[in-house]
Amino acid sequence: NAYGDAEYFTKRVAVNIDDFISKIRAADAQLIILSDDVGCSVRPTDKDERLAQEVIGILNRYIAGKADEVYVVECGIARRIK
């Protein structure tokens, strides 16, 4: 895939995420990841900003799929979704 494509970035980062999660699980440690939700915002008009938003959204879903627990926090109230 060409540089500038969301799939290009997500595949490269996913390999590192998998490796990192394996190390955390092997150490029987806990990991908390905080990330902004980009799915409920306005779609940027700038091409690079749209790419960043897409990559972040894909990676958030990828990490949530690997997680034991997932929470959404809105207005300071945590809601477990997984």
Protein backbone atom coordinates (compact mmCIF):
# COMPACT_ATOMS: atom_id res chain seq x y z
CA ASN A 1 0.00 0.00 0.00
CA ALA A 2 1.08 3.51 -0.67
CA TYR A 3 2.25 5.87 2.02
CA GLY A 4 -0.73 7.99 2.96
CA ASP A 5 -3.15 5.09 3.05
CA ALA A 6 -4.78 4.22 6.41
CA GLU A 7 -4.19 0.50 5.89
CA TYR A 8 -0.45 1.12 5.45
CA PHE A 9 -0.20 2.76 8.87
CA THR A 10 -2.54 0.45 10.75
CA LYS A 11 -0.77 -2.72 9.59
CA ARG A 12 2.60 -1.32 10.68
CA VAL A 13 1.32 -0.24 14.08
CA ALA A 14 -0.76 -3.39 14.70
CA VAL A 15 2.37 -5.56 14.63
CA ASN A 16 3.89 -3.45 17.39
CA ILE A 17 0.64 -3.51 19.38
CA ASP A 18 0.48 -7.31 19.20
CA ASP A 19 4.08 -7.62 20.36
CA PHE A 20 3.53 -5.17 23.21
CA ILE A 21 0.33 -6.90 24.38
CA SER A 22 2.11 -10.29 24.33
CA LYS A 23 4.84 -8.91 26.57
CA ILE A 24 2.30 -7.41 28.99
CA ARG A 25 0.38 -10.70 29.20
CA ALA A 26 3.59 -12.71 29.66
CA ALA A 27 4.54 -10.46 32.58
CA ASP A 28 1.04 -10.92 34.04
CA ALA A 29 0.82 -7.13 34.21
CA GLN A 30 -2.04 -4.72 33.72
CA LEU A 31 -2.15 -2.11 31.00
CA ILE A 32 -4.54 0.80 30.76
CA ILE A 33 -4.78 2.63 27.45
CA LEU A 34 -6.54 5.98 27.19
CA SER A 35 -7.53 7.25 23.77
CA ASP A 36 -9.76 9.93 22.35
CA ASP A 37 -12.85 8.78 20.52
CA VAL A 38 -12.62 10.12 16.99
CA GLY A 39 -15.82 8.57 15.68
CA CYS A 40 -18.22 11.18 17.01
CA SER A 41 -16.47 14.25 15.71
CA VAL A 42 -16.76 16.24 12.51
CA ARG A 43 -14.92 14.75 9.53
CA PRO A 44 -11.88 16.99 8.85
CA THR A 45 -11.55 18.58 5.43
CA ASP A 46 -7.75 18.33 5.48
CA LYS A 47 -6.52 15.08 3.88
CA ASP A 48 -3.82 14.41 6.51
CA GLU A 49 -6.23 15.06 9.38
CA ARG A 50 -8.78 12.66 7.84
CA LEU A 51 -6.06 10.03 7.50
CA ALA A 52 -5.04 10.48 11.16
CA GLN A 53 -8.68 10.25 12.28
CA GLU A 54 -9.21 7.05 10.28
CA VAL A 55 -6.01 5.41 11.57
CA ILE A 56 -6.82 6.29 15.19
CA GLY A 57 -10.34 4.91 14.82
CA ILE A 58 -9.14 1.65 13.28
CA LEU A 59 -6.46 1.20 15.95
CA ASN A 60 -8.94 1.96 18.75
CA ARG A 61 -11.20 -0.82 17.45
CA TYR A 62 -8.22 -3.17 17.04
CA ILE A 63 -7.01 -2.58 20.60
CA ALA A 64 -10.55 -2.91 21.98
CA GLY A 65 -10.82 -6.27 20.24
CA LYS A 66 -7.71 -7.49 22.06
CA ALA A 67 -8.68 -6.00 25.44
CA ASP A 68 -10.20 -7.88 28.35
CA GLU A 69 -12.28 -4.84 29.31
CA VAL A 70 -13.30 -1.71 27.42
CA TYR A 71 -14.92 1.39 28.90
CA VAL A 72 -16.32 4.53 27.34
CA VAL A 73 -16.14 7.61 29.55
CA GLU A 74 -18.57 10.42 28.83
CA CYS A 75 -18.92 13.45 31.09
CA GLY A 76 -16.83 11.66 33.71
CA ILE A 77 -19.10 8.61 33.79
CA ALA A 78 -17.52 5.28 32.83
CA ARG A 79 -19.67 2.76 30.99
CA ARG A 80 -18.34 -0.75 30.40
CA ILE A 81 -18.92 -1.92 26.84
CA LYS A 82 -16.81 -5.08 26.96
